[in-house]
Amino acid sequence: MIQISQLTTEQLPHALMLAMRHKTTPTIDWELCGNILEHEKISLVFFGTHWVAMEINPFGNHTKATQKSVSALDAVIKCYIQIKLGDVIDLKINK
């Protein structure tokens, strides 16, 4: 098991495949991330040295999922994975 925040860029496609319940690894690009941002209502902001992606509950009083990375794409994907699978993931599933 690995914390979502500790996933490397190389591990993200497989983790995303598990979160999306696909049988093939998706290509991570802005087209996919834009769709994820809109569908999941994820906010993306830049704070100093890192991008922060977060899903805020409908009442706006706390976040449901938050991930940060030096890459905006990585932050969005990690946030989506956390929303779908929780704080940890077993990458050995379906490998």
N, C-alpha and C. Protein backbone atom coordinates (compact mmCIF):
# COMPACT_ATOMS: atom_id res chain seq x y z
N MET A 1 0.85 -1.18 0.00
CA MET A 1 0.00 0.00 0.00
C MET A 1 0.89 1.24 0.00
N ILE A 2 0.44 2.25 -0.72
CA ILE A 2 1.19 3.49 -0.82
C ILE A 2 0.24 4.68 -0.67
N GLN A 3 0.70 5.71 0.01
CA GLN A 3 -0.08 6.94 0.13
C GLN A 3 -0.22 7.58 -1.25
N ILE A 4 -1.38 8.10 -1.57
CA ILE A 4 -1.59 8.76 -2.86
C ILE A 4 -0.59 9.89 -3.04
N SER A 5 -0.31 10.63 -2.00
CA SER A 5 0.62 11.76 -2.08
C SER A 5 2.04 11.32 -2.43
N GLN A 6 2.36 10.05 -2.21
CA GLN A 6 3.71 9.55 -2.48
C GLN A 6 3.86 8.91 -3.86
N LEU A 7 2.79 8.87 -4.64
CA LEU A 7 2.87 8.29 -5.98
C LEU A 7 3.81 9.11 -6.86
N THR A 8 4.62 8.41 -7.64
CA THR A 8 5.51 9.09 -8.58
C THR A 8 4.76 9.33 -9.89
N THR A 9 5.32 10.19 -10.71
CA THR A 9 4.73 10.46 -12.03
C THR A 9 4.61 9.18 -12.83
N GLU A 10 5.57 8.28 -12.69
CA GLU A 10 5.56 7.01 -13.42
C GLU A 10 4.46 6.07 -12.92
N GLN A 11 4.08 6.17 -11.66
CA GLN A 11 3.05 5.31 -11.09
C GLN A 11 1.63 5.82 -11.36
N LEU A 12 1.51 7.09 -11.71
CA LEU A 12 0.18 7.69 -11.85
C LEU A 12 -0.71 7.03 -12.92
N PRO A 13 -0.19 6.68 -14.11
CA PRO A 13 -1.10 6.07 -15.09
C PRO A 13 -1.76 4.78 -14.59
N HIS A 14 -0.98 3.91 -13.92
CA HIS A 14 -1.56 2.66 -13.40
C HIS A 14 -2.56 2.96 -12.28
N ALA A 15 -2.20 3.87 -11.39
CA ALA A 15 -3.12 4.23 -10.30
C ALA A 15 -4.40 4.85 -10.85
N LEU A 16 -4.26 5.68 -11.88
CA LEU A 16 -5.43 6.30 -12.50
C LEU A 16 -6.31 5.25 -13.17
N MET A 17 -5.69 4.26 -13.79
CA MET A 17 -6.45 3.17 -14.41
C MET A 17 -7.31 2.47 -13.35
N LEU A 18 -6.73 2.23 -12.18
CA LEU A 18 -7.49 1.58 -11.11
C LEU A 18 -8.63 2.48 -10.63
N ALA A 19 -8.36 3.77 -10.49
CA ALA A 19 -9.38 4.71 -10.01
C ALA A 19 -10.52 4.84 -11.01
N MET A 20 -10.19 4.81 -12.31
CA MET A 20 -11.21 4.95 -13.35
C MET A 20 -11.88 3.62 -13.68
N ARG A 21 -11.32 2.53 -13.13
CA ARG A 21 -11.82 1.17 -13.39
C ARG A 21 -11.74 0.82 -14.87
N HIS A 22 -10.64 1.23 -15.50
CA HIS A 22 -10.38 0.88 -16.90
C HIS A 22 -9.48 -0.33 -16.96
N LYS A 23 -9.42 -0.96 -18.11
CA LYS A 23 -8.55 -2.13 -18.30
C LYS A 23 -7.22 -1.75 -18.94
N THR A 24 -7.13 -0.53 -19.46
CA THR A 24 -5.88 -0.05 -20.05
C THR A 24 -5.49 1.26 -19.38
N THR A 25 -4.18 1.54 -19.40
CA THR A 25 -3.72 2.77 -18.76
C THR A 25 -4.03 3.98 -19.64
N PRO A 26 -4.62 5.00 -19.06
CA PRO A 26 -4.96 6.20 -19.84
C PRO A 26 -3.73 7.07 -20.07
N THR A 27 -3.80 7.89 -21.10
CA THR A 27 -2.78 8.89 -21.34
C THR A 27 -3.14 10.12 -20.52
N ILE A 28 -2.20 10.55 -19.68
CA ILE A 28 -2.45 11.71 -18.84
C ILE A 28 -2.06 12.97 -19.61
N ASP A 29 -3.06 13.77 -19.95
CA ASP A 29 -2.83 15.02 -20.67
C ASP A 29 -3.88 16.04 -20.22
N TRP A 30 -3.79 17.25 -20.77
CA TRP A 30 -4.72 18.29 -20.33
C TRP A 30 -6.15 18.04 -20.77
N GLU A 31 -6.35 17.32 -21.85
CA GLU A 31 -7.73 17.00 -22.25
C GLU A 31 -8.40 16.15 -21.17
N LEU A 32 -7.71 15.11 -20.73
CA LEU A 32 -8.23 14.25 -19.67
C LEU A 32 -8.37 15.02 -18.36
N CYS A 33 -7.34 15.76 -17.99
CA CYS A 33 -7.37 16.49 -16.72
C CYS A 33 -8.44 17.57 -16.70
N GLY A 34 -8.65 18.23 -17.84
CA GLY A 34 -9.71 19.22 -17.92
C GLY A 34 -11.08 18.61 -17.67
N ASN A 35 -11.30 17.44 -18.27
CA ASN A 35 -12.57 16.72 -18.04
C ASN A 35 -12.73 16.32 -16.58
N ILE A 36 -11.63 15.86 -15.98
CA ILE A 36 -11.67 15.47 -14.56
C ILE A 36 -11.95 16.69 -13.69
N LEU A 37 -11.26 17.80 -13.96
CA LEU A 37 -11.49 19.03 -13.19
C LEU A 37 -12.96 19.44 -13.21
N GLU A 38 -13.55 19.44 -14.39
CA GLU A 38 -14.94 19.86 -14.53
C GLU A 38 -15.91 18.86 -13.90
N HIS A 39 -15.72 17.59 -14.21
CA HIS A 39 -16.66 16.57 -13.73
C HIS A 39 -16.62 16.42 -12.21
N GLU A 40 -15.42 16.43 -11.64
CA GLU A 40 -15.27 16.22 -10.20
C GLU A 40 -15.31 17.52 -9.41
N LYS A 41 -15.38 18.65 -10.12
CA LYS A 41 -15.40 19.98 -9.48
C LYS A 41 -14.16 20.19 -8.60
N ILE A 42 -13.01 19.86 -9.16
CA ILE A 42 -11.73 20.03 -8.48
C ILE A 42 -11.22 21.44 -8.74
N SER A 43 -10.74 22.09 -7.69
CA SER A 43 -10.12 23.41 -7.82
C SER A 43 -8.61 23.22 -7.91
N LEU A 44 -7.97 24.04 -8.74
CA LEU A 44 -6.52 23.96 -8.93
C LEU A 44 -5.94 25.35 -8.75
N VAL A 45 -5.01 25.47 -7.79
CA VAL A 45 -4.37 26.76 -7.52
C VAL A 45 -2.87 26.57 -7.37
N PHE A 46 -2.12 27.64 -7.62
CA PHE A 46 -0.67 27.60 -7.47
C PHE A 46 -0.29 28.36 -6.21
N PHE A 47 0.44 27.70 -5.30
CA PHE A 47 0.90 28.31 -4.06
C PHE A 47 2.42 28.29 -4.01
N GLY A 48 3.06 29.37 -4.39
CA GLY A 48 4.51 29.50 -4.28
C GLY A 48 5.31 28.57 -5.15
N THR A 49 5.46 27.32 -4.74
CA THR A 49 6.27 26.36 -5.49
C THR A 49 5.49 25.13 -5.93
N HIS A 50 4.24 25.00 -5.51
CA HIS A 50 3.46 23.79 -5.79
C HIS A 50 2.06 24.13 -6.30
N TRP A 51 1.54 23.23 -7.11
CA TRP A 51 0.13 23.26 -7.50
C TRP A 51 -0.65 22.47 -6.47
N VAL A 52 -1.80 22.96 -6.09
CA VAL A 52 -2.66 22.27 -5.14
C VAL A 52 -4.01 22.03 -5.81
N ALA A 53 -4.41 20.76 -5.84
CA ALA A 53 -5.71 20.37 -6.37
C ALA A 53 -6.57 19.91 -5.20
N MET A 54 -7.80 20.41 -5.14
CA MET A 54 -8.66 20.04 -4.02
C MET A 54 -10.11 19.96 -4.43
N GLU A 55 -10.79 19.02 -3.81
CA GLU A 55 -12.24 18.91 -3.97
C GLU A 55 -12.85 19.43 -2.67
N ILE A 56 -13.69 20.42 -2.79
CA ILE A 56 -14.31 21.03 -1.62
C ILE A 56 -15.74 20.53 -1.52
N ASN A 57 -16.19 20.25 -0.29
CA ASN A 57 -17.55 19.75 -0.14
C ASN A 57 -18.55 20.81 -0.59
N PRO A 58 -19.79 20.42 -0.89
CA PRO A 58 -20.78 21.36 -1.43
C PRO A 58 -21.05 22.58 -0.56
N PHE A 59 -20.82 22.47 0.74
CA PHE A 59 -21.07 23.59 1.64
C PHE A 59 -19.86 24.51 1.76
N GLY A 60 -18.73 24.08 1.20
CA GLY A 60 -17.53 24.91 1.17
C GLY A 60 -16.81 25.09 2.48
N ASN A 61 -17.15 24.28 3.49
CA ASN A 61 -16.52 24.49 4.79
C ASN A 61 -15.32 23.58 5.07
N HIS A 62 -15.04 22.62 4.20
CA HIS A 62 -13.81 21.84 4.33
C HIS A 62 -13.57 21.07 3.03
N THR A 63 -12.32 20.67 2.85
CA THR A 63 -11.98 19.92 1.64
C THR A 63 -12.21 18.44 1.86
N LYS A 64 -12.61 17.75 0.80
CA LYS A 64 -12.79 16.31 0.84
C LYS A 64 -11.52 15.59 0.41
N ALA A 65 -10.76 16.24 -0.47
CA ALA A 65 -9.51 15.65 -0.96
C ALA A 65 -8.58 16.79 -1.35
N THR A 66 -7.31 16.66 -1.03
CA THR A 66 -6.31 17.68 -1.37
C THR A 66 -5.00 16.99 -1.71
N GLN A 67 -4.41 17.39 -2.83
CA GLN A 67 -3.10 16.87 -3.23
C GLN A 67 -2.27 18.01 -3.80
N LYS A 68 -0.95 17.94 -3.59
CA LYS A 68 -0.07 18.96 -4.15
C LYS A 68 1.08 18.32 -4.91
N SER A 69 1.61 19.07 -5.87
CA SER A 69 2.73 18.60 -6.68
C SER A 69 3.35 19.79 -7.40
N VAL A 70 4.58 19.63 -7.85
CA VAL A 70 5.19 20.68 -8.67
C VAL A 70 4.56 20.70 -10.05
N SER A 71 3.86 19.63 -10.42
CA SER A 71 3.16 19.53 -11.71
C SER A 71 1.65 19.66 -11.48
N ALA A 72 1.01 20.55 -12.23
CA ALA A 72 -0.44 20.71 -12.12
C ALA A 72 -1.16 19.42 -12.50
N LEU A 73 -0.69 18.76 -13.56
CA LEU A 73 -1.32 17.51 -13.99
C LEU A 73 -1.25 16.46 -12.88
N ASP A 74 -0.08 16.31 -12.28
CA ASP A 74 0.08 15.32 -11.21
C ASP A 74 -0.85 15.63 -10.04
N ALA A 75 -0.96 16.90 -9.66
CA ALA A 75 -1.82 17.28 -8.54
C ALA A 75 -3.28 16.92 -8.83
N VAL A 76 -3.74 17.20 -10.04
CA VAL A 76 -5.13 16.89 -10.42
C VAL A 76 -5.37 15.39 -10.38
N ILE A 77 -4.46 14.63 -10.98
CA ILE A 77 -4.63 13.17 -11.04
C ILE A 77 -4.59 12.56 -9.64
N LYS A 78 -3.67 13.01 -8.80
CA LYS A 78 -3.60 12.50 -7.43
C LYS A 78 -4.87 12.82 -6.66
N CYS A 79 -5.40 14.01 -6.85
CA CYS A 79 -6.64 14.40 -6.17
C CYS A 79 -7.79 13.49 -6.63
N TYR A 80 -7.89 13.26 -7.93
CA TYR A 80 -8.94 12.39 -8.46
C TYR A 80 -8.81 10.97 -7.88
N ILE A 81 -7.60 10.45 -7.84
CA ILE A 81 -7.37 9.11 -7.30
C ILE A 81 -7.79 9.07 -5.83
N GLN A 82 -7.45 10.11 -5.07
CA GLN A 82 -7.84 10.16 -3.67
C GLN A 82 -9.36 10.20 -3.52
N ILE A 83 -10.03 10.96 -4.37
CA ILE A 83 -11.50 11.03 -4.33
C ILE A 83 -12.10 9.65 -4.56
N LYS A 84 -11.57 8.92 -5.54
CA LYS A 84 -12.15 7.64 -5.93
C LYS A 84 -11.73 6.47 -5.03
N LEU A 85 -10.47 6.49 -4.54
CA LEU A 85 -9.95 5.32 -3.84
C LEU A 85 -9.55 5.56 -2.38
N GLY A 86 -9.56 6.79 -1.94
CA GLY A 86 -9.14 7.08 -0.57
C GLY A 86 -7.68 7.50 -0.52
N ASP A 87 -7.12 7.48 0.68
CA ASP A 87 -5.77 8.02 0.91
C ASP A 87 -4.64 7.08 0.52
N VAL A 88 -4.92 5.79 0.39
CA VAL A 88 -3.88 4.82 0.04
C VAL A 88 -4.36 3.93 -1.10
N ILE A 89 -3.39 3.35 -1.81
CA ILE A 89 -3.71 2.50 -2.96
C ILE A 89 -2.77 1.31 -2.97
N ASP A 90 -3.29 0.18 -3.43
CA ASP A 90 -2.48 -1.02 -3.65
C ASP A 90 -2.23 -1.12 -5.15
N LEU A 91 -1.03 -0.77 -5.59
CA LEU A 91 -0.72 -0.77 -7.02
C LEU A 91 -0.57 -2.16 -7.60
N LYS A 92 -0.53 -3.19 -6.76
CA LYS A 92 -0.37 -4.56 -7.26
C LYS A 92 -1.67 -5.12 -7.81
N ILE A 93 -2.78 -4.47 -7.50
CA ILE A 93 -4.08 -4.92 -8.01
C ILE A 93 -4.11 -4.77 -9.52
N ASN A 94 -4.54 -5.83 -10.20
CA ASN A 94 -4.70 -5.83 -11.67
C ASN A 94 -3.41 -5.55 -12.43
N LYS A 95 -2.28 -5.84 -11.85
CA LYS A 95 -1.03 -5.58 -12.56
C LYS A 95 -0.62 -6.78 -13.35
